């Protein structure tokens, strides 16, 4: 219903574009393995972001082992001993919040079961728990992690639902997914995530062979669900950010355009 009202509002009063969504448009710093830590946060938050995503972090033995293999072949990773992970993330959050108490902190987490994610959710000042159903490295796929979670919708629903049930009442749950994975129906995945009770779906709207994000997919999911969409992929300037919002995303996230710790456009104009 709110999307119907929203369309009327857009037509008549463009200045109330987000009034019926229940939450304002948000601008998110997306997770980048081995990069998005507190030091990086303090460099980029002043560009005008609302949410900073730490991680992704590996939260159990299988994901840590996979991460170590990936690191050995030259890809960046956060390798934190499991016994230190809770205190490490807690400290990272505190460093950021001490400088930017207004910022929301999300933590992107890889896991083979909900339990280790639920344990991390107990950290104070953690605002958003993000389940990683996105990574495509073979080491993660081999253990049923990352985007491989999209191939088993029953398991995905059970996994997300369990996290939603166990997090603190003031926390939100996000699921980051990769779009256009072979033999995966993007819309069905989005509906399953919505049905599981997640607050956000964070969509890497990549489409093989296409230089821009898959804006048609964002539009389809926006039209067919009521879940808050964070649109990600190829947001490199004001125009591409606006296109993501115009397609139906409720928020945007930026990664590669920030990889050097600098942003070359004004996100307040999106």
C-alpha atoms as a PDB file:
ATOM      1  CA  UNK A   1       0.000   0.000   0.000  1.00  0.00           C
ATOM      2  CA  UNK A   2       2.742   2.484   0.885  1.00  0.00           C
ATOM      3  CA  UNK A   3       4.282   2.114  -2.572  1.00  0.00           C
ATOM      4  CA  UNK A   4       0.963   3.062  -4.153  1.00  0.00           C
ATOM      5  CA  UNK A   5       0.802   6.136  -1.934  1.00  0.00           C
ATOM      6  CA  UNK A   6       4.452   6.843  -2.673  1.00  0.00           C
ATOM      7  CA  UNK A   7       3.802   6.942  -6.420  1.00  0.00           C
ATOM      8  CA  UNK A   8       1.005   9.467  -5.870  1.00  0.00           C
ATOM      9  CA  UNK A   9       3.318  11.534  -3.676  1.00  0.00           C
ATOM     10  CA  UNK A  10       6.055  11.497  -6.310  1.00  0.00           C
ATOM     11  CA  UNK A  11       3.649  12.732  -8.932  1.00  0.00           C
ATOM     12  CA  UNK A  12       2.144  15.507  -6.790  1.00  0.00           C
ATOM     13  CA  UNK A  13       4.824  16.424  -4.265  1.00  0.00           C
ATOM     14  CA  UNK A  14       8.337  15.366  -5.210  1.00  0.00           C
ATOM     15  CA  UNK A  15       9.701  16.702  -1.907  1.00  0.00           C
ATOM     16  CA  UNK A  16       7.940  13.951   0.100  1.00  0.00           C
ATOM     17  CA  UNK A  17       9.395  11.146  -1.966  1.00  0.00           C
ATOM     18  CA  UNK A  18      10.381   8.982   1.038  1.00  0.00           C
ATOM     19  CA  UNK A  19       7.634   9.861   3.483  1.00  0.00           C
ATOM     20  CA  UNK A  20       5.721   6.598   3.252  1.00  0.00           C
ATOM     21  CA  UNK A  21       8.661   4.197   3.362  1.00  0.00           C
ATOM     22  CA  UNK A  22       9.012   4.297   7.152  1.00  0.00           C
ATOM     23  CA  UNK A  23      12.722   5.086   6.803  1.00  0.00           C
ATOM     24  CA  UNK A  24      14.645   7.769   4.954  1.00  0.00           C
ATOM     25  CA  UNK A  25      16.910   7.027   2.045  1.00  0.00           C
ATOM     26  CA  UNK A  26      20.275   5.874   3.373  1.00  0.00           C
ATOM     27  CA  UNK A  27      23.783   6.078   1.964  1.00  0.00           C
ATOM     28  CA  UNK A  28      25.931   3.095   2.864  1.00  0.00           C
ATOM     29  CA  UNK A  29      29.612   2.273   2.653  1.00  0.00           C
ATOM     30  CA  UNK A  30      29.590  -1.313   1.391  1.00  0.00           C
ATOM     31  CA  UNK A  31      31.889  -4.014   2.767  1.00  0.00           C
ATOM     32  CA  UNK A  32      35.201  -4.693   1.041  1.00  0.00           C
ATOM     33  CA  UNK A  33      37.218  -7.635   2.324  1.00  0.00           C
ATOM     34  CA  UNK A  34      40.431  -6.571   4.016  1.00  0.00           C
ATOM     35  CA  UNK A  35      39.630  -2.882   3.520  1.00  0.00           C
ATOM     36  CA  UNK A  36      36.559  -1.636   5.399  1.00  0.00           C
ATOM     37  CA  UNK A  37      37.884  -1.354   8.941  1.00  0.00           C
ATOM     38  CA  UNK A  38      37.753   1.502  11.450  1.00  0.00           C
ATOM     39  CA  UNK A  39      40.740   3.305   9.919  1.00  0.00           C
ATOM     40  CA  UNK A  40      39.024   3.315   6.550  1.00  0.00           C
ATOM     41  CA  UNK A  41      35.756   4.385   8.179  1.00  0.00           C
ATOM     42  CA  UNK A  42      37.267   7.510   9.695  1.00  0.00           C
ATOM     43  CA  UNK A  43      38.519   8.558   6.256  1.00  0.00           C
ATOM     44  CA  UNK A  44      35.278   8.122   4.338  1.00  0.00           C
ATOM     45  CA  UNK A  45      32.358   8.734   6.721  1.00  0.00           C
ATOM     46  CA  UNK A  46      32.790  12.549   6.463  1.00  0.00           C
ATOM     47  CA  UNK A  47      31.763  12.392   2.798  1.00  0.00           C
ATOM     48  CA  UNK A  48      28.180  12.171   4.032  1.00  0.00           C
ATOM     49  CA  UNK A  49      27.356   8.516   4.658  1.00  0.00           C
ATOM     50  CA  UNK A  50      24.730   7.232   7.076  1.00  0.00           C
ATOM     51  CA  UNK A  51      25.926   3.641   7.490  1.00  0.00           C
ATOM     52  CA  UNK A  52      29.400   2.106   7.560  1.00  0.00           C
ATOM     53  CA  UNK A  53      29.788  -1.619   6.966  1.00  0.00           C
ATOM     54  CA  UNK A  54      32.649  -3.427   8.668  1.00  0.00           C
ATOM     55  CA  UNK A  55      33.911  -6.673   7.196  1.00  0.00           C
ATOM     56  CA  UNK A  56      33.176  -9.087   5.752  1.00  0.00           C
ATOM     57  CA  UNK A  57      34.318 -11.244   8.623  1.00  0.00           C
ATOM     58  CA  UNK A  58      34.514 -15.007   8.859  1.00  0.00           C
ATOM     59  CA  UNK A  59      32.707 -16.239  11.946  1.00  0.00           C
ATOM     60  CA  UNK A  60      33.289 -19.995  12.184  1.00  0.00           C
ATOM     61  CA  UNK A  61      36.017 -22.549  11.547  1.00  0.00           C
ATOM     62  CA  UNK A  62      34.985 -23.327   7.969  1.00  0.00           C
ATOM     63  CA  UNK A  63      34.765 -19.715   6.849  1.00  0.00           C
ATOM     64  CA  UNK A  64      38.040 -18.797   8.563  1.00  0.00           C
ATOM     65  CA  UNK A  65      39.779 -21.690   6.807  1.00  0.00           C
ATOM     66  CA  UNK A  66      38.296 -20.603   3.484  1.00  0.00           C
ATOM     67  CA  UNK A  67      39.427 -17.038   4.114  1.00  0.00           C
ATOM     68  CA  UNK A  68      42.968 -18.172   4.866  1.00  0.00           C
ATOM     69  CA  UNK A  69      43.098 -20.035   1.547  1.00  0.00           C
ATOM     70  CA  UNK A  70      41.881 -16.942  -0.288  1.00  0.00           C
ATOM     71  CA  UNK A  71      44.483 -14.774   1.443  1.00  0.00           C
ATOM     72  CA  UNK A  72      47.248 -17.163   0.400  1.00  0.00           C
ATOM     73  CA  UNK A  73      46.368 -16.725  -3.255  1.00  0.00           C
ATOM     74  CA  UNK A  74      46.691 -12.952  -2.958  1.00  0.00           C
ATOM     75  CA  UNK A  75      43.185 -11.646  -2.305  1.00  0.00           C
ATOM     76  CA  UNK A  76      42.550  -9.268   0.599  1.00  0.00           C
ATOM     77  CA  UNK A  77      40.799 -10.772   3.628  1.00  0.00           C
ATOM     78  CA  UNK A  78      40.241 -10.042   7.293  1.00  0.00           C
ATOM     79  CA  UNK A  79      41.757 -12.986   9.147  1.00  0.00           C
ATOM     80  CA  UNK A  80      40.797 -12.643  12.803  1.00  0.00           C
ATOM     81  CA  UNK A  81      41.197 -15.592  15.204  1.00  0.00           C
ATOM     82  CA  UNK A  82      37.758 -16.775  16.269  1.00  0.00           C
ATOM     83  CA  UNK A  83      38.522 -16.319  19.956  1.00  0.00           C
ATOM     84  CA  UNK A  84      39.339 -12.644  19.288  1.00  0.00           C
ATOM     85  CA  UNK A  85      36.589 -11.842  16.764  1.00  0.00           C
ATOM     86  CA  UNK A  86      33.955 -10.582  19.209  1.00  0.00           C
ATOM     87  CA  UNK A  87      36.313  -8.181  21.002  1.00  0.00           C
ATOM     88  CA  UNK A  88      37.933  -7.121  17.713  1.00  0.00           C
ATOM     89  CA  UNK A  89      34.600  -6.087  16.166  1.00  0.00           C
ATOM     90  CA  UNK A  90      33.492  -4.462  19.415  1.00  0.00           C
ATOM     91  CA  UNK A  91      36.659  -2.362  19.464  1.00  0.00           C
ATOM     92  CA  UNK A  92      36.256  -1.394  15.805  1.00  0.00           C
ATOM     93  CA  UNK A  93      32.703  -0.218  16.483  1.00  0.00           C
ATOM     94  CA  UNK A  94      33.787   1.803  19.506  1.00  0.00           C
ATOM     95  CA  UNK A  95      36.544   3.553  17.553  1.00  0.00           C
ATOM     96  CA  UNK A  96      34.042   4.659  14.920  1.00  0.00           C
ATOM     97  CA  UNK A  97      31.259   5.594  17.342  1.00  0.00           C
ATOM     98  CA  UNK A  98      33.611   7.667  19.484  1.00  0.00           C
ATOM     99  CA  UNK A  99      34.287   9.917  16.479  1.00  0.00           C
ATOM    100  CA  UNK A 100      30.915   9.578  14.738  1.00  0.00           C
ATOM    101  CA  UNK A 101      28.211   8.689  17.282  1.00  0.00           C
ATOM    102  CA  UNK A 102      25.521   9.462  14.689  1.00  0.00           C
ATOM    103  CA  UNK A 103      26.692   6.800  12.222  1.00  0.00           C
ATOM    104  CA  UNK A 104      24.990   3.416  12.032  1.00  0.00           C
ATOM    105  CA  UNK A 105      27.352   0.449  12.050  1.00  0.00           C
ATOM    106  CA  UNK A 106      26.652  -2.663  10.020  1.00  0.00           C
ATOM    107  CA  UNK A 107      28.810  -5.792  10.152  1.00  0.00           C
ATOM    108  CA  UNK A 108      28.915  -8.116   7.156  1.00  0.00           C
ATOM    109  CA  UNK A 109      29.339 -11.708   8.331  1.00  0.00           C
ATOM    110  CA  UNK A 110      30.037 -15.015   6.606  1.00  0.00           C
ATOM    111  CA  UNK A 111      28.877 -18.170   8.335  1.00  0.00           C
ATOM    112  CA  UNK A 112      27.795 -21.732   7.685  1.00  0.00           C
ATOM    113  CA  UNK A 113      25.110 -21.585  10.383  1.00  0.00           C
ATOM    114  CA  UNK A 114      23.201 -18.777  12.131  1.00  0.00           C
ATOM    115  CA  UNK A 115      24.752 -19.434  15.554  1.00  0.00           C
ATOM    116  CA  UNK A 116      28.031 -17.588  15.049  1.00  0.00           C
ATOM    117  CA  UNK A 117      26.235 -14.580  13.576  1.00  0.00           C
ATOM    118  CA  UNK A 118      23.804 -14.512  16.489  1.00  0.00           C
ATOM    119  CA  UNK A 119      26.767 -14.520  18.885  1.00  0.00           C
ATOM    120  CA  UNK A 120      28.271 -11.458  17.171  1.00  0.00           C
ATOM    121  CA  UNK A 121      24.907  -9.669  17.314  1.00  0.00           C
ATOM    122  CA  UNK A 122      25.259  -9.350  21.102  1.00  0.00           C
ATOM    123  CA  UNK A 123      27.942  -6.677  20.692  1.00  0.00           C
ATOM    124  CA  UNK A 124      26.932  -3.291  22.096  1.00  0.00           C
ATOM    125  CA  UNK A 125      26.389  -0.422  19.647  1.00  0.00           C
ATOM    126  CA  UNK A 126      26.059  -2.785  16.663  1.00  0.00           C
ATOM    127  CA  UNK A 127      23.123  -1.473  14.654  1.00  0.00           C
ATOM    128  CA  UNK A 128      22.844  -3.806  11.657  1.00  0.00           C
ATOM    129  CA  UNK A 129      23.770  -7.464  11.248  1.00  0.00           C
ATOM    130  CA  UNK A 130      24.375  -8.267   7.595  1.00  0.00           C
ATOM    131  CA  UNK A 131      24.290 -11.876   6.429  1.00  0.00           C
ATOM    132  CA  UNK A 132      26.669 -12.470   3.539  1.00  0.00           C
ATOM    133  CA  UNK A 133      24.896 -14.337   0.724  1.00  0.00           C
ATOM    134  CA  UNK A 134      27.087 -12.576  -1.797  1.00  0.00           C
ATOM    135  CA  UNK A 135      30.721 -13.714  -1.957  1.00  0.00           C
ATOM    136  CA  UNK A 136      31.520 -15.866  -4.983  1.00  0.00           C
ATOM    137  CA  UNK A 137      35.027 -17.138  -4.246  1.00  0.00           C
ATOM    138  CA  UNK A 138      35.230 -20.904  -4.759  1.00  0.00           C
ATOM    139  CA  UNK A 139      36.497 -21.457  -1.227  1.00  0.00           C
ATOM    140  CA  UNK A 140      33.261 -20.033   0.185  1.00  0.00           C
ATOM    141  CA  UNK A 141      31.021 -21.728  -2.363  1.00  0.00           C
ATOM    142  CA  UNK A 142      32.547 -25.111  -1.519  1.00  0.00           C
ATOM    143  CA  UNK A 143      31.283 -24.809   2.078  1.00  0.00           C
ATOM    144  CA  UNK A 144      27.804 -23.636   1.099  1.00  0.00           C
ATOM    145  CA  UNK A 145      28.520 -20.038   2.001  1.00  0.00           C
ATOM    146  CA  UNK A 146      28.232 -16.695   0.192  1.00  0.00           C
ATOM    147  CA  UNK A 147      26.138 -16.679  -2.970  1.00  0.00           C
ATOM    148  CA  UNK A 148      25.755 -20.447  -2.725  1.00  0.00           C
ATOM    149  CA  UNK A 149      23.102 -19.742  -0.078  1.00  0.00           C
ATOM    150  CA  UNK A 150      20.863 -18.465  -2.883  1.00  0.00           C
ATOM    151  CA  UNK A 151      20.617 -21.973  -4.343  1.00  0.00           C
ATOM    152  CA  UNK A 152      18.685 -23.368  -1.364  1.00  0.00           C
ATOM    153  CA  UNK A 153      15.768 -21.099  -0.557  1.00  0.00           C
ATOM    154  CA  UNK A 154      14.464 -23.198   2.335  1.00  0.00           C
ATOM    155  CA  UNK A 155      17.845 -23.064   4.026  1.00  0.00           C
ATOM    156  CA  UNK A 156      18.173 -19.351   3.267  1.00  0.00           C
ATOM    157  CA  UNK A 157      14.786 -18.653   4.844  1.00  0.00           C
ATOM    158  CA  UNK A 158      15.554 -20.765   7.911  1.00  0.00           C
ATOM    159  CA  UNK A 159      18.975 -19.131   8.296  1.00  0.00           C
ATOM    160  CA  UNK A 160      17.738 -15.551   8.027  1.00  0.00           C
ATOM    161  CA  UNK A 161      14.631 -16.207  10.129  1.00  0.00           C
ATOM    162  CA  UNK A 162      16.744 -17.626  12.947  1.00  0.00           C
ATOM    163  CA  UNK A 163      18.997 -14.569  12.975  1.00  0.00           C
ATOM    164  CA  UNK A 164      15.985 -12.232  12.876  1.00  0.00           C
ATOM    165  CA  UNK A 165      14.449 -14.012  15.873  1.00  0.00           C
ATOM    166  CA  UNK A 166      17.611 -13.898  17.985  1.00  0.00           C
ATOM    167  CA  UNK A 167      19.038 -10.403  17.432  1.00  0.00           C
ATOM    168  CA  UNK A 168      18.347  -7.586  19.868  1.00  0.00           C
ATOM    169  CA  UNK A 169      15.089  -5.686  19.422  1.00  0.00           C
ATOM    170  CA  UNK A 170      16.867  -2.460  18.447  1.00  0.00           C
ATOM    171  CA  UNK A 171      18.955  -4.123  15.743  1.00  0.00           C
ATOM    172  CA  UNK A 172      18.157  -4.591  12.089  1.00  0.00           C
ATOM    173  CA  UNK A 173      19.037  -7.497   9.816  1.00  0.00           C
ATOM    174  CA  UNK A 174      20.320  -7.086   6.277  1.00  0.00           C
ATOM    175  CA  UNK A 175      21.057  -9.760   3.699  1.00  0.00           C
ATOM    176  CA  UNK A 176      23.596  -8.928   1.012  1.00  0.00           C
ATOM    177  CA  UNK A 177      23.003 -10.874  -2.196  1.00  0.00           C
ATOM    178  CA  UNK A 178      24.524 -11.070  -5.642  1.00  0.00           C
ATOM    179  CA  UNK A 179      22.096 -10.609  -8.512  1.00  0.00           C
ATOM    180  CA  UNK A 180      21.900 -12.633 -11.706  1.00  0.00           C
ATOM    181  CA  UNK A 181      23.535 -15.762 -10.343  1.00  0.00           C
ATOM    182  CA  UNK A 182      23.070 -18.647 -12.782  1.00  0.00           C
ATOM    183  CA  UNK A 183      19.877 -20.661 -12.162  1.00  0.00           C
ATOM    184  CA  UNK A 184      18.762 -18.311  -9.372  1.00  0.00           C
ATOM    185  CA  UNK A 185      15.503 -16.351  -9.627  1.00  0.00           C
ATOM    186  CA  UNK A 186      16.292 -12.895  -8.233  1.00  0.00           C
ATOM    187  CA  UNK A 187      12.695 -11.992  -7.442  1.00  0.00           C
ATOM    188  CA  UNK A 188      11.980 -15.246  -5.614  1.00  0.00           C
ATOM    189  CA  UNK A 189      15.126 -14.728  -3.534  1.00  0.00           C
ATOM    190  CA  UNK A 190      14.015 -11.195  -2.636  1.00  0.00           C
ATOM    191  CA  UNK A 191      10.552 -12.400  -1.625  1.00  0.00           C
ATOM    192  CA  UNK A 192      12.075 -15.181   0.481  1.00  0.00           C
ATOM    193  CA  UNK A 193      14.311 -12.699   2.285  1.00  0.00           C
ATOM    194  CA  UNK A 194      11.349 -10.409   2.865  1.00  0.00           C
ATOM    195  CA  UNK A 195       9.269 -13.313   4.197  1.00  0.00           C
ATOM    196  CA  UNK A 196      12.080 -14.259   6.563  1.00  0.00           C
ATOM    197  CA  UNK A 197      11.670 -10.927   8.349  1.00  0.00           C
ATOM    198  CA  UNK A 198      14.867  -9.197   7.229  1.00  0.00           C
ATOM    199  CA  UNK A 199      14.792  -5.401   7.292  1.00  0.00           C
ATOM    200  CA  UNK A 200      17.019  -4.832   4.263  1.00  0.00           C
ATOM    201  CA  UNK A 201      18.052  -6.593   1.094  1.00  0.00           C
ATOM    202  CA  UNK A 202      21.418  -5.265  -0.053  1.00  0.00           C
ATOM    203  CA  UNK A 203      21.612  -6.087  -3.757  1.00  0.00           C
ATOM    204  CA  UNK A 204      24.820  -6.186  -5.754  1.00  0.00           C
ATOM    205  CA  UNK A 205      22.937  -5.604  -9.004  1.00  0.00           C
ATOM    206  CA  UNK A 206      25.703  -6.815 -11.270  1.00  0.00           C
ATOM    207  CA  UNK A 207      24.802  -8.237 -14.659  1.00  0.00           C
ATOM    208  CA  UNK A 208      27.515 -10.076 -16.622  1.00  0.00           C
ATOM    209  CA  UNK A 209      28.501  -8.242 -19.775  1.00  0.00           C
ATOM    210  CA  UNK A 210      26.786  -4.998 -18.739  1.00  0.00           C
ATOM    211  CA  UNK A 211      28.876  -2.020 -17.556  1.00  0.00           C
ATOM    212  CA  UNK A 212      26.101  -0.577 -15.376  1.00  0.00           C
ATOM    213  CA  UNK A 213      23.977  -1.991 -12.577  1.00  0.00           C
ATOM    214  CA  UNK A 214      20.899  -3.995 -13.497  1.00  0.00           C
ATOM    215  CA  UNK A 215      18.399  -1.208 -12.899  1.00  0.00           C
ATOM    216  CA  UNK A 216      15.549  -3.247 -14.399  1.00  0.00           C
ATOM    217  CA  UNK A 217      16.059  -5.857 -11.703  1.00  0.00           C
ATOM    218  CA  UNK A 218      15.951  -3.224  -8.957  1.00  0.00           C
ATOM    219  CA  UNK A 219      12.724  -1.910 -10.471  1.00  0.00           C
ATOM    220  CA  UNK A 220      11.176  -5.386 -10.597  1.00  0.00           C
ATOM    221  CA  UNK A 221      12.017  -6.195  -6.976  1.00  0.00           C
ATOM    222  CA  UNK A 222      10.821  -2.771  -5.849  1.00  0.00           C
ATOM    223  CA  UNK A 223       7.504  -3.237  -7.628  1.00  0.00           C
ATOM    224  CA  UNK A 224       6.929  -6.753  -6.312  1.00  0.00           C
ATOM    225  CA  UNK A 225       8.075  -6.448  -2.680  1.00  0.00           C
ATOM    226  CA  UNK A 226       7.949  -3.965   0.203  1.00  0.00           C
ATOM    227  CA  UNK A 227      11.403  -4.712   1.584  1.00  0.00           C
ATOM    228  CA  UNK A 228      13.894  -1.851   1.928  1.00  0.00           C
ATOM    229  CA  UNK A 229      16.334  -2.172  -0.989  1.00  0.00           C
ATOM    230  CA  UNK A 230      19.935  -1.005  -0.722  1.00  0.00           C
ATOM    231  CA  UNK A 231      21.181  -0.826  -4.303  1.00  0.00           C
ATOM    232  CA  UNK A 232      24.833  -1.560  -4.979  1.00  0.00           C
ATOM    233  CA  UNK A 233      27.060  -1.837  -8.052  1.00  0.00           C
ATOM    234  CA  UNK A 234      28.670   0.705 -10.353  1.00  0.00           C
ATOM    235  CA  UNK A 235      27.632   3.772  -8.368  1.00  0.00           C
ATOM    236  CA  UNK A 236      30.509   5.951  -9.448  1.00  0.00           C
ATOM    237  CA  UNK A 237      28.910   9.393  -9.734  1.00  0.00           C
ATOM    238  CA  UNK A 238      25.769  11.400  -8.968  1.00  0.00           C
ATOM    239  CA  UNK A 239      23.992  10.202 -12.097  1.00  0.00           C
ATOM    240  CA  UNK A 240      24.447   6.494 -11.381  1.00  0.00           C
ATOM    241  CA  UNK A 241      23.319   7.029  -7.786  1.00  0.00           C
ATOM    242  CA  UNK A 242      20.184   8.817  -8.943  1.00  0.00           C
ATOM    243  CA  UNK A 243      19.457   6.057 -11.450  1.00  0.00           C
ATOM    244  CA  UNK A 244      19.579   3.504  -8.646  1.00  0.00           C
ATOM    245  CA  UNK A 245      17.085   5.477  -6.563  1.00  0.00           C
ATOM    246  CA  UNK A 246      14.881   6.161  -9.584  1.00  0.00           C
ATOM    247  CA  UNK A 247      14.831   2.425 -10.300  1.00  0.00           C
ATOM    248  CA  UNK A 248      13.254   1.826  -6.892  1.00  0.00           C
ATOM    249  CA  UNK A 249      16.089   1.383  -4.405  1.00  0.00           C
ATOM    250  CA  UNK A 250      15.434   2.879  -0.976  1.00  0.00           C
ATOM    251  CA  UNK A 251      19.138   3.433  -0.386  1.00  0.00           C
ATOM    252  CA  UNK A 252      22.486   3.140  -2.140  1.00  0.00           C
ATOM    253  CA  UNK A 253      25.821   1.631  -1.221  1.00  0.00           C
ATOM    254  CA  UNK A 254      29.233   2.467  -2.585  1.00  0.00           C
ATOM    255  CA  UNK A 255      32.385   0.365  -2.571  1.00  0.00           C
ATOM    256  CA  UNK A 256      34.906   0.586  -5.412  1.00  0.00           C
ATOM    257  CA  UNK A 257      34.441   4.322  -5.939  1.00  0.00           C
ATOM    258  CA  UNK A 258      35.794   4.688  -2.391  1.00  0.00           C
ATOM    259  CA  UNK A 259      38.564   2.121  -2.504  1.00  0.00           C
ATOM    260  CA  UNK A 260      41.327   4.750  -2.284  1.00  0.00           C
ATOM    261  CA  UNK A 261      39.676   6.372   0.735  1.00  0.00           C
ATOM    262  CA  UNK A 262      38.410   9.296  -1.336  1.00  0.00           C
ATOM    263  CA  UNK A 263      35.108  10.091  -3.062  1.00  0.00           C
ATOM    264  CA  UNK A 264      35.130  12.227  -6.175  1.00  0.00           C
ATOM    265  CA  UNK A 265      31.492  13.335  -6.155  1.00  0.00           C
ATOM    266  CA  UNK A 266      28.990  14.861  -3.732  1.00  0.00           C
ATOM    267  CA  UNK A 267      26.589  12.170  -2.490  1.00  0.00           C
ATOM    268  CA  UNK A 268      24.342  14.810  -0.942  1.00  0.00           C
ATOM    269  CA  UNK A 269      23.173  15.542  -4.492  1.00  0.00           C
ATOM    270  CA  UNK A 270      21.869  11.999  -5.033  1.00  0.00           C
END
